[in-house]
C-alpha cells in the first residue's frame, strides 16, 4: 500500500473510532454498571472533506484514550482455526473468483478490542484555547465521565492476484458497541458536536442519524471515495469506490456482525462475491 494511502487509511480508522465512540447516538440498556449507548445494526457514510479530515479532533486532546486488545492480529492456517479462535462463522466464497484472483486465501484473525475515552474538561479547554476558541461550559457530570467502545473479534481472508498482490479481502467481525459510565448520552453527544474542530457540515450530518444508537458512522473522504447504497441478501449495505477506480468495498451488518468485501475489482464483481457468501 502506498504511504499516502496508508496515512489516509489510518486517519479514517481513527476518525471512525472517534465518531463511533463519541458522536453516534443513544440507547438505554444497562450492562455491568455501564450504560449501553450504541449497538451497530447498520452503517452509513459521513462525507468528510480533506480540510474536515485534517481538522478532525484527536480524542487525546479532550481526555485520556486507553486501547486494549485481547489478541493481536495474526495469521492462522485455515478457516476452521479462524472460527475456533474468534467464535465467528467464517464467510465462505461460493462464487467463482473474479478474473485475476487465484489460489487459496490467507487467514488473519484478531481478538476483541476495547477503547475507553475519559473526558477531561481541563484538557478540552486547553485544546479549544490552542485553536483560538472558548470551550462551552461542560454539562454537569461530564468531566471525568467515560465512554467505552468494544469491537471484535474478527477474521479476514485475503486472496492474491496473478501478479502476487492482495486483490480480494473478505472480513467479518463482531460489530462495535459502546457504553457510558452514566451521563445521558444525548447530553454528551450534543456537547461534543459543539466542540471546536468538527465542521458544521459533519456535525449536521451526524445529527441526522437516528438516536437509537444503531447506525455506525463511516467517515468517507469525499475527494477520494464515492458512496452508494445496495442490498446484500436483504441487509442494507454501503458501497465505497475510490475515484481512481482502483478499489471497491461493500460493508453491511447482520445480527450484530459486520461483514466487508473489498478488492481491486469493479462494483458488480464485489457485490457478486458479497451476495454469494455462505
C-alpha atoms as a PDB file:
ATOM      1  CA  UNK A   1       0.000   0.000   0.000  1.00  0.00           C
ATOM      2  CA  UNK A   2       1.471   3.414  -0.916  1.00  0.00           C
ATOM      3  CA  UNK A   3       2.483   5.567   2.036  1.00  0.00           C
ATOM      4  CA  UNK A   4      -0.128   8.215   1.199  1.00  0.00           C
ATOM      5  CA  UNK A   5      -2.904   5.626   1.083  1.00  0.00           C
ATOM      6  CA  UNK A   6      -1.728   4.130   4.365  1.00  0.00           C
ATOM      7  CA  UNK A   7      -1.884   7.546   6.046  1.00  0.00           C
ATOM      8  CA  UNK A   8      -5.406   8.106   4.734  1.00  0.00           C
ATOM      9  CA  UNK A   9      -6.448   4.668   5.982  1.00  0.00           C
ATOM     10  CA  UNK A  10      -5.018   5.311   9.447  1.00  0.00           C
ATOM     11  CA  UNK A  11      -6.819   8.663   9.691  1.00  0.00           C
ATOM     12  CA  UNK A  12     -10.073   7.033   8.584  1.00  0.00           C
ATOM     13  CA  UNK A  13      -9.743   4.328  11.233  1.00  0.00           C
ATOM     14  CA  UNK A  14      -9.064   6.924  13.938  1.00  0.00           C
ATOM     15  CA  UNK A  15     -11.947   9.041  12.661  1.00  0.00           C
ATOM     16  CA  UNK A  16     -14.309   6.077  12.610  1.00  0.00           C
ATOM     17  CA  UNK A  17     -13.467   5.139  16.202  1.00  0.00           C
ATOM     18  CA  UNK A  18     -13.772   8.755  17.340  1.00  0.00           C
ATOM     19  CA  UNK A  19     -17.158   9.214  15.700  1.00  0.00           C
ATOM     20  CA  UNK A  20     -18.474   5.837  16.812  1.00  0.00           C
ATOM     21  CA  UNK A  21     -17.427   6.287  20.428  1.00  0.00           C
ATOM     22  CA  UNK A  22     -18.356   9.921  20.865  1.00  0.00           C
ATOM     23  CA  UNK A  23     -20.974  11.016  18.374  1.00  0.00           C
ATOM     24  CA  UNK A  24     -23.127   8.112  17.331  1.00  0.00           C
ATOM     25  CA  UNK A  25     -26.410   8.035  19.212  1.00  0.00           C
ATOM     26  CA  UNK A  26     -28.087   6.898  22.421  1.00  0.00           C
ATOM     27  CA  UNK A  27     -29.804   3.893  23.932  1.00  0.00           C
ATOM     28  CA  UNK A  28     -30.768   2.778  27.434  1.00  0.00           C
ATOM     29  CA  UNK A  29     -29.662  -0.793  28.231  1.00  0.00           C
ATOM     30  CA  UNK A  30     -27.589  -1.410  31.363  1.00  0.00           C
ATOM     31  CA  UNK A  31     -24.567  -3.727  31.282  1.00  0.00           C
ATOM     32  CA  UNK A  32     -22.043  -4.336  34.075  1.00  0.00           C
ATOM     33  CA  UNK A  33     -22.573  -0.883  35.651  1.00  0.00           C
ATOM     34  CA  UNK A  34     -22.110   0.728  32.232  1.00  0.00           C
ATOM     35  CA  UNK A  35     -24.977   2.135  30.193  1.00  0.00           C
ATOM     36  CA  UNK A  36     -25.104   0.684  26.682  1.00  0.00           C
ATOM     37  CA  UNK A  37     -25.424   3.650  24.363  1.00  0.00           C
ATOM     38  CA  UNK A  38     -24.642   2.206  20.975  1.00  0.00           C
ATOM     39  CA  UNK A  39     -25.158  -1.092  19.169  1.00  0.00           C
ATOM     40  CA  UNK A  40     -24.340  -1.318  15.466  1.00  0.00           C
ATOM     41  CA  UNK A  41     -27.209  -2.507  13.304  1.00  0.00           C
ATOM     42  CA  UNK A  42     -26.208  -0.705  10.106  1.00  0.00           C
ATOM     43  CA  UNK A  43     -23.522   1.563   8.704  1.00  0.00           C
ATOM     44  CA  UNK A  44     -23.945   4.880   6.910  1.00  0.00           C
ATOM     45  CA  UNK A  45     -21.383   7.182   5.279  1.00  0.00           C
ATOM     46  CA  UNK A  46     -20.447  10.593   6.627  1.00  0.00           C
ATOM     47  CA  UNK A  47     -18.901  12.734   3.893  1.00  0.00           C
ATOM     48  CA  UNK A  48     -15.739  14.461   5.051  1.00  0.00           C
ATOM     49  CA  UNK A  49     -13.670  16.902   3.014  1.00  0.00           C
ATOM     50  CA  UNK A  50      -9.887  16.978   3.156  1.00  0.00           C
ATOM     51  CA  UNK A  51      -9.943  20.029   5.437  1.00  0.00           C
ATOM     52  CA  UNK A  52     -12.535  18.369   7.698  1.00  0.00           C
ATOM     53  CA  UNK A  53     -10.428  15.211   7.968  1.00  0.00           C
ATOM     54  CA  UNK A  54      -7.299  17.189   8.792  1.00  0.00           C
ATOM     55  CA  UNK A  55      -9.145  19.237  11.416  1.00  0.00           C
ATOM     56  CA  UNK A  56     -10.998  16.300  12.969  1.00  0.00           C
ATOM     57  CA  UNK A  57     -10.284  16.401  16.697  1.00  0.00           C
ATOM     58  CA  UNK A  58      -7.851  13.905  18.145  1.00  0.00           C
ATOM     59  CA  UNK A  59      -9.647  12.384  21.118  1.00  0.00           C
ATOM     60  CA  UNK A  60      -6.492  12.648  23.213  1.00  0.00           C
ATOM     61  CA  UNK A  61      -6.867  16.442  23.034  1.00  0.00           C
ATOM     62  CA  UNK A  62     -10.074  16.144  25.079  1.00  0.00           C
ATOM     63  CA  UNK A  63      -9.147  13.457  27.567  1.00  0.00           C
ATOM     64  CA  UNK A  64      -7.462  10.089  28.012  1.00  0.00           C
ATOM     65  CA  UNK A  65      -7.777   7.256  25.500  1.00  0.00           C
ATOM     66  CA  UNK A  66      -6.874   3.719  26.600  1.00  0.00           C
ATOM     67  CA  UNK A  67      -6.897   0.957  23.970  1.00  0.00           C
ATOM     68  CA  UNK A  68      -6.650  -2.720  24.863  1.00  0.00           C
ATOM     69  CA  UNK A  69      -6.716  -5.846  22.731  1.00  0.00           C
ATOM     70  CA  UNK A  70      -7.186  -9.408  23.873  1.00  0.00           C
ATOM     71  CA  UNK A  71      -5.190 -10.775  20.967  1.00  0.00           C
ATOM     72  CA  UNK A  72      -3.057  -9.073  18.322  1.00  0.00           C
ATOM     73  CA  UNK A  73      -3.912  -9.825  14.694  1.00  0.00           C
ATOM     74  CA  UNK A  74      -2.095 -12.903  13.433  1.00  0.00           C
ATOM     75  CA  UNK A  75      -2.222 -15.444  10.640  1.00  0.00           C
ATOM     76  CA  UNK A  76      -3.812 -18.860  11.113  1.00  0.00           C
ATOM     77  CA  UNK A  77      -3.732 -21.952   8.949  1.00  0.00           C
ATOM     78  CA  UNK A  78      -7.330 -22.334   7.842  1.00  0.00           C
ATOM     79  CA  UNK A  79     -10.994 -21.365   8.236  1.00  0.00           C
ATOM     80  CA  UNK A  80     -11.615 -23.937  10.963  1.00  0.00           C
ATOM     81  CA  UNK A  81      -8.854 -22.476  13.128  1.00  0.00           C
ATOM     82  CA  UNK A  82     -10.131 -18.956  12.474  1.00  0.00           C
ATOM     83  CA  UNK A  83     -13.643 -19.983  13.537  1.00  0.00           C
ATOM     84  CA  UNK A  84     -12.356 -21.682  16.676  1.00  0.00           C
ATOM     85  CA  UNK A  85     -10.310 -18.626  17.735  1.00  0.00           C
ATOM     86  CA  UNK A  86     -12.979 -15.994  17.033  1.00  0.00           C
ATOM     87  CA  UNK A  87     -16.255 -17.823  17.558  1.00  0.00           C
ATOM     88  CA  UNK A  88     -17.428 -16.442  14.193  1.00  0.00           C
ATOM     89  CA  UNK A  89     -18.829 -18.212  11.166  1.00  0.00           C
ATOM     90  CA  UNK A  90     -16.052 -17.608   8.654  1.00  0.00           C
ATOM     91  CA  UNK A  91     -17.662 -16.463   5.379  1.00  0.00           C
ATOM     92  CA  UNK A  92     -17.106 -18.870   2.510  1.00  0.00           C
ATOM     93  CA  UNK A  93     -16.824 -17.531  -1.045  1.00  0.00           C
ATOM     94  CA  UNK A  94     -19.018 -19.818  -3.119  1.00  0.00           C
ATOM     95  CA  UNK A  95     -18.972 -17.899  -6.407  1.00  0.00           C
ATOM     96  CA  UNK A  96     -16.230 -18.239  -8.993  1.00  0.00           C
ATOM     97  CA  UNK A  97     -13.387 -15.935  -8.062  1.00  0.00           C
ATOM     98  CA  UNK A  98     -13.173 -12.838 -10.259  1.00  0.00           C
ATOM     99  CA  UNK A  99     -10.657 -12.895 -13.073  1.00  0.00           C
ATOM    100  CA  UNK A 100      -7.068 -12.376 -11.992  1.00  0.00           C
ATOM    101  CA  UNK A 101      -7.558 -13.715  -8.430  1.00  0.00           C
ATOM    102  CA  UNK A 102      -6.014 -17.058  -7.681  1.00  0.00           C
ATOM    103  CA  UNK A 103      -5.415 -19.774  -5.128  1.00  0.00           C
ATOM    104  CA  UNK A 104      -6.490 -20.126  -1.529  1.00  0.00           C
ATOM    105  CA  UNK A 105      -6.813 -17.194   0.864  1.00  0.00           C
ATOM    106  CA  UNK A 106      -4.580 -16.279   3.773  1.00  0.00           C
ATOM    107  CA  UNK A 107      -6.498 -16.127   7.070  1.00  0.00           C
ATOM    108  CA  UNK A 108      -5.902 -13.375   9.627  1.00  0.00           C
ATOM    109  CA  UNK A 109      -7.676 -13.207  12.995  1.00  0.00           C
ATOM    110  CA  UNK A 110      -7.751 -10.691  15.824  1.00  0.00           C
ATOM    111  CA  UNK A 111      -9.304 -10.599  19.274  1.00  0.00           C
ATOM    112  CA  UNK A 112     -11.694  -8.157  20.904  1.00  0.00           C
ATOM    113  CA  UNK A 113     -10.536  -4.546  21.011  1.00  0.00           C
ATOM    114  CA  UNK A 114     -11.718  -2.067  23.645  1.00  0.00           C
ATOM    115  CA  UNK A 115     -11.116   1.690  23.668  1.00  0.00           C
ATOM    116  CA  UNK A 116     -12.087   3.774  26.694  1.00  0.00           C
ATOM    117  CA  UNK A 117     -12.275   7.572  26.464  1.00  0.00           C
ATOM    118  CA  UNK A 118     -12.296   9.648  29.663  1.00  0.00           C
ATOM    119  CA  UNK A 119     -13.383  13.248  29.102  1.00  0.00           C
ATOM    120  CA  UNK A 120     -11.277  15.994  30.716  1.00  0.00           C
ATOM    121  CA  UNK A 121     -12.770  19.478  30.853  1.00  0.00           C
ATOM    122  CA  UNK A 122      -9.322  20.932  31.603  1.00  0.00           C
ATOM    123  CA  UNK A 123      -7.685  19.278  28.603  1.00  0.00           C
ATOM    124  CA  UNK A 124     -10.605  20.190  26.351  1.00  0.00           C
ATOM    125  CA  UNK A 125     -10.363  23.823  27.477  1.00  0.00           C
ATOM    126  CA  UNK A 126      -6.657  23.852  26.637  1.00  0.00           C
ATOM    127  CA  UNK A 127      -7.357  22.359  23.202  1.00  0.00           C
ATOM    128  CA  UNK A 128     -10.019  24.973  22.495  1.00  0.00           C
ATOM    129  CA  UNK A 129      -7.715  27.793  23.586  1.00  0.00           C
ATOM    130  CA  UNK A 130      -4.968  26.433  21.331  1.00  0.00           C
ATOM    131  CA  UNK A 131      -7.442  26.639  18.445  1.00  0.00           C
ATOM    132  CA  UNK A 132      -8.339  30.220  19.423  1.00  0.00           C
ATOM    133  CA  UNK A 133     -11.760  29.190  20.691  1.00  0.00           C
ATOM    134  CA  UNK A 134     -13.570  29.234  24.018  1.00  0.00           C
ATOM    135  CA  UNK A 135     -14.770  25.916  25.383  1.00  0.00           C
ATOM    136  CA  UNK A 136     -18.528  25.817  26.031  1.00  0.00           C
ATOM    137  CA  UNK A 137     -19.293  25.077  29.712  1.00  0.00           C
ATOM    138  CA  UNK A 138     -19.427  21.249  30.128  1.00  0.00           C
ATOM    139  CA  UNK A 139     -22.765  19.841  31.328  1.00  0.00           C
ATOM    140  CA  UNK A 140     -22.846  18.642  34.955  1.00  0.00           C
ATOM    141  CA  UNK A 141     -21.209  15.257  35.417  1.00  0.00           C
ATOM    142  CA  UNK A 142     -19.406  15.212  32.067  1.00  0.00           C
ATOM    143  CA  UNK A 143     -15.929  15.974  33.421  1.00  0.00           C
ATOM    144  CA  UNK A 144     -14.311  12.608  34.185  1.00  0.00           C
ATOM    145  CA  UNK A 145     -17.094  10.574  32.553  1.00  0.00           C
ATOM    146  CA  UNK A 146     -16.147   7.653  30.327  1.00  0.00           C
ATOM    147  CA  UNK A 147     -17.260   6.105  27.040  1.00  0.00           C
ATOM    148  CA  UNK A 148     -16.064   2.623  26.115  1.00  0.00           C
ATOM    149  CA  UNK A 149     -16.111   1.136  22.603  1.00  0.00           C
ATOM    150  CA  UNK A 150     -15.903  -2.638  22.168  1.00  0.00           C
ATOM    151  CA  UNK A 151     -15.446  -4.381  18.807  1.00  0.00           C
ATOM    152  CA  UNK A 152     -14.297  -7.766  17.560  1.00  0.00           C
ATOM    153  CA  UNK A 153     -13.078 -10.416  17.459  1.00  0.00           C
ATOM    154  CA  UNK A 154     -12.724 -10.623  13.693  1.00  0.00           C
ATOM    155  CA  UNK A 155     -11.373 -12.625  10.783  1.00  0.00           C
ATOM    156  CA  UNK A 156     -10.136 -11.593   7.334  1.00  0.00           C
ATOM    157  CA  UNK A 157      -9.435 -13.691   4.269  1.00  0.00           C
ATOM    158  CA  UNK A 158      -7.068 -12.272   1.666  1.00  0.00           C
ATOM    159  CA  UNK A 159      -6.556 -13.552  -1.865  1.00  0.00           C
ATOM    160  CA  UNK A 160      -3.657 -12.606  -4.113  1.00  0.00           C
ATOM    161  CA  UNK A 161      -3.868 -11.553  -7.738  1.00  0.00           C
ATOM    162  CA  UNK A 162      -1.992 -13.257 -10.561  1.00  0.00           C
ATOM    163  CA  UNK A 163       0.648 -10.549 -10.036  1.00  0.00           C
ATOM    164  CA  UNK A 164       1.067 -11.636  -6.410  1.00  0.00           C
ATOM    165  CA  UNK A 165      -0.569  -8.531  -4.879  1.00  0.00           C
ATOM    166  CA  UNK A 166      -3.573  -8.626  -2.486  1.00  0.00           C
ATOM    167  CA  UNK A 167      -6.652  -8.379  -4.687  1.00  0.00           C
ATOM    168  CA  UNK A 168      -9.677  -9.513  -2.645  1.00  0.00           C
ATOM    169  CA  UNK A 169     -10.479  -9.271   1.054  1.00  0.00           C
ATOM    170  CA  UNK A 170     -13.471 -10.762   2.843  1.00  0.00           C
ATOM    171  CA  UNK A 171     -13.702  -9.792   6.502  1.00  0.00           C
ATOM    172  CA  UNK A 172     -16.137 -10.377   9.342  1.00  0.00           C
ATOM    173  CA  UNK A 173     -16.154  -9.066  12.899  1.00  0.00           C
ATOM    174  CA  UNK A 174     -18.426  -8.570  15.883  1.00  0.00           C
ATOM    175  CA  UNK A 175     -19.812  -5.085  15.211  1.00  0.00           C
ATOM    176  CA  UNK A 176     -18.885  -2.186  17.522  1.00  0.00           C
ATOM    177  CA  UNK A 177     -20.946  -1.352  20.583  1.00  0.00           C
ATOM    178  CA  UNK A 178     -20.383   1.434  23.106  1.00  0.00           C
ATOM    179  CA  UNK A 179     -21.121   2.026  26.774  1.00  0.00           C
ATOM    180  CA  UNK A 180     -21.219   5.102  29.014  1.00  0.00           C
ATOM    181  CA  UNK A 181     -20.293   5.416  32.684  1.00  0.00           C
ATOM    182  CA  UNK A 182     -23.612   7.109  33.329  1.00  0.00           C
ATOM    183  CA  UNK A 183     -24.020  10.593  31.811  1.00  0.00           C
ATOM    184  CA  UNK A 184     -27.069  10.709  29.472  1.00  0.00           C
ATOM    185  CA  UNK A 185     -25.658  10.236  26.012  1.00  0.00           C
ATOM    186  CA  UNK A 186     -27.888  12.823  24.353  1.00  0.00           C
ATOM    187  CA  UNK A 187     -26.114  15.363  26.581  1.00  0.00           C
ATOM    188  CA  UNK A 188     -22.659  14.030  25.688  1.00  0.00           C
ATOM    189  CA  UNK A 189     -23.486  13.945  22.003  1.00  0.00           C
ATOM    190  CA  UNK A 190     -24.784  17.480  21.705  1.00  0.00           C
ATOM    191  CA  UNK A 191     -21.922  18.895  23.739  1.00  0.00           C
ATOM    192  CA  UNK A 192     -19.186  17.151  21.770  1.00  0.00           C
ATOM    193  CA  UNK A 193     -20.796  18.091  18.460  1.00  0.00           C
ATOM    194  CA  UNK A 194     -20.368  21.717  19.506  1.00  0.00           C
ATOM    195  CA  UNK A 195     -16.635  21.487  20.246  1.00  0.00           C
ATOM    196  CA  UNK A 196     -14.064  23.258  18.038  1.00  0.00           C
ATOM    197  CA  UNK A 197     -12.533  21.224  15.211  1.00  0.00           C
ATOM    198  CA  UNK A 198     -15.639  19.427  13.975  1.00  0.00           C
ATOM    199  CA  UNK A 199     -17.043  21.196  10.936  1.00  0.00           C
ATOM    200  CA  UNK A 200     -20.657  22.355  10.876  1.00  0.00           C
ATOM    201  CA  UNK A 201     -21.298  20.153   7.838  1.00  0.00           C
ATOM    202  CA  UNK A 202     -20.046  16.988   9.549  1.00  0.00           C
ATOM    203  CA  UNK A 203     -21.951  17.825  12.734  1.00  0.00           C
ATOM    204  CA  UNK A 204     -25.117  18.406  10.705  1.00  0.00           C
ATOM    205  CA  UNK A 205     -24.739  15.014   9.007  1.00  0.00           C
ATOM    206  CA  UNK A 206     -24.282  13.271  12.348  1.00  0.00           C
ATOM    207  CA  UNK A 207     -27.362  14.970  13.779  1.00  0.00           C
ATOM    208  CA  UNK A 208     -29.471  13.349  11.039  1.00  0.00           C
ATOM    209  CA  UNK A 209     -28.610   9.886  12.354  1.00  0.00           C
ATOM    210  CA  UNK A 210     -31.269   8.115  14.367  1.00  0.00           C
ATOM    211  CA  UNK A 211     -30.917   8.479  18.124  1.00  0.00           C
ATOM    212  CA  UNK A 212     -31.499   4.813  18.887  1.00  0.00           C
ATOM    213  CA  UNK A 213     -27.762   4.122  18.780  1.00  0.00           C
ATOM    214  CA  UNK A 214     -27.935   1.697  15.852  1.00  0.00           C
ATOM    215  CA  UNK A 215     -26.118   3.403  12.962  1.00  0.00           C
ATOM    216  CA  UNK A 216     -22.320   3.332  12.789  1.00  0.00           C
ATOM    217  CA  UNK A 217     -20.997   6.450  11.028  1.00  0.00           C
ATOM    218  CA  UNK A 218     -18.411   5.641   8.359  1.00  0.00           C
ATOM    219  CA  UNK A 219     -16.220   8.689   7.582  1.00  0.00           C
ATOM    220  CA  UNK A 220     -15.554   8.944   3.837  1.00  0.00           C
ATOM    221  CA  UNK A 221     -13.110  11.413   2.176  1.00  0.00           C
ATOM    222  CA  UNK A 222     -15.323  12.975  -0.490  1.00  0.00           C
ATOM    223  CA  UNK A 223     -12.456  13.878  -2.808  1.00  0.00           C
ATOM    224  CA  UNK A 224     -11.205  10.283  -2.927  1.00  0.00           C
ATOM    225  CA  UNK A 225     -14.201   7.990  -2.433  1.00  0.00           C
ATOM    226  CA  UNK A 226     -17.791   7.848  -3.688  1.00  0.00           C
ATOM    227  CA  UNK A 227     -20.591   6.049  -1.867  1.00  0.00           C
ATOM    228  CA  UNK A 228     -23.840   4.399  -2.846  1.00  0.00           C
ATOM    229  CA  UNK A 229     -26.437   2.123  -1.274  1.00  0.00           C
ATOM    230  CA  UNK A 230     -27.119  -1.527  -2.019  1.00  0.00           C
ATOM    231  CA  UNK A 231     -28.791  -4.589  -0.552  1.00  0.00           C
ATOM    232  CA  UNK A 232     -26.841  -7.721   0.351  1.00  0.00           C
ATOM    233  CA  UNK A 233     -29.206 -10.613   0.923  1.00  0.00           C
ATOM    234  CA  UNK A 234     -31.814  -8.231   2.326  1.00  0.00           C
ATOM    235  CA  UNK A 235     -29.457  -6.217   4.534  1.00  0.00           C
ATOM    236  CA  UNK A 236     -28.805  -2.530   3.764  1.00  0.00           C
ATOM    237  CA  UNK A 237     -25.205  -2.059   2.654  1.00  0.00           C
ATOM    238  CA  UNK A 238     -22.858   0.799   1.828  1.00  0.00           C
ATOM    239  CA  UNK A 239     -20.704   0.612  -1.293  1.00  0.00           C
ATOM    240  CA  UNK A 240     -17.480   2.631  -1.397  1.00  0.00           C
ATOM    241  CA  UNK A 241     -15.446   3.145  -4.556  1.00  0.00           C
ATOM    242  CA  UNK A 242     -12.227   5.108  -4.976  1.00  0.00           C
ATOM    243  CA  UNK A 243     -12.471   7.813  -7.611  1.00  0.00           C
ATOM    244  CA  UNK A 244      -9.423   6.428  -9.401  1.00  0.00           C
ATOM    245  CA  UNK A 245     -11.314   3.104  -9.763  1.00  0.00           C
ATOM    246  CA  UNK A 246      -8.600   1.070  -8.051  1.00  0.00           C
ATOM    247  CA  UNK A 247     -10.667  -0.218  -5.117  1.00  0.00           C
ATOM    248  CA  UNK A 248     -14.293  -1.039  -4.283  1.00  0.00           C
ATOM    249  CA  UNK A 249     -15.722  -2.199  -0.951  1.00  0.00           C
ATOM    250  CA  UNK A 250     -19.156  -3.099   0.374  1.00  0.00           C
ATOM    251  CA  UNK A 251     -19.955  -3.116   4.113  1.00  0.00           C
ATOM    252  CA  UNK A 252     -23.067  -4.304   5.913  1.00  0.00           C
ATOM    253  CA  UNK A 253     -24.290  -5.520   9.317  1.00  0.00           C
ATOM    254  CA  UNK A 254     -26.446  -8.528  10.061  1.00  0.00           C
ATOM    255  CA  UNK A 255     -27.279  -9.848  13.537  1.00  0.00           C
ATOM    256  CA  UNK A 256     -24.551  -7.827  15.313  1.00  0.00           C
ATOM    257  CA  UNK A 257     -21.880  -8.948  12.841  1.00  0.00           C
ATOM    258  CA  UNK A 258     -20.197  -6.582  10.386  1.00  0.00           C
ATOM    259  CA  UNK A 259     -19.033  -8.026   7.063  1.00  0.00           C
ATOM    260  CA  UNK A 260     -16.921  -6.345   4.394  1.00  0.00           C
ATOM    261  CA  UNK A 261     -15.843  -7.372   0.911  1.00  0.00           C
ATOM    262  CA  UNK A 262     -13.191  -5.270  -0.811  1.00  0.00           C
ATOM    263  CA  UNK A 263     -10.866  -5.614  -3.738  1.00  0.00           C
ATOM    264  CA  UNK A 264      -9.208  -4.230  -6.817  1.00  0.00           C
ATOM    265  CA  UNK A 265     -12.391  -5.045  -8.720  1.00  0.00           C
ATOM    266  CA  UNK A 266     -15.434  -3.321 -10.124  1.00  0.00           C
ATOM    267  CA  UNK A 267     -18.639  -2.792  -8.151  1.00  0.00           C
ATOM    268  CA  UNK A 268     -20.568  -5.641  -9.794  1.00  0.00           C
ATOM    269  CA  UNK A 269     -17.784  -8.118  -9.015  1.00  0.00           C
ATOM    270  CA  UNK A 270     -17.578  -7.085  -5.358  1.00  0.00           C
ATOM    271  CA  UNK A 271     -21.356  -7.246  -4.936  1.00  0.00           C
ATOM    272  CA  UNK A 272     -21.442 -10.644  -6.638  1.00  0.00           C
ATOM    273  CA  UNK A 273     -18.932 -12.019  -4.131  1.00  0.00           C
ATOM    274  CA  UNK A 274     -20.878 -10.449  -1.256  1.00  0.00           C
ATOM    275  CA  UNK A 275     -24.247 -11.812  -2.384  1.00  0.00           C
ATOM    276  CA  UNK A 276     -22.891 -15.348  -2.719  1.00  0.00           C
ATOM    277  CA  UNK A 277     -21.103 -15.591   0.625  1.00  0.00           C
ATOM    278  CA  UNK A 278     -22.162 -18.588   2.646  1.00  0.00           C
END
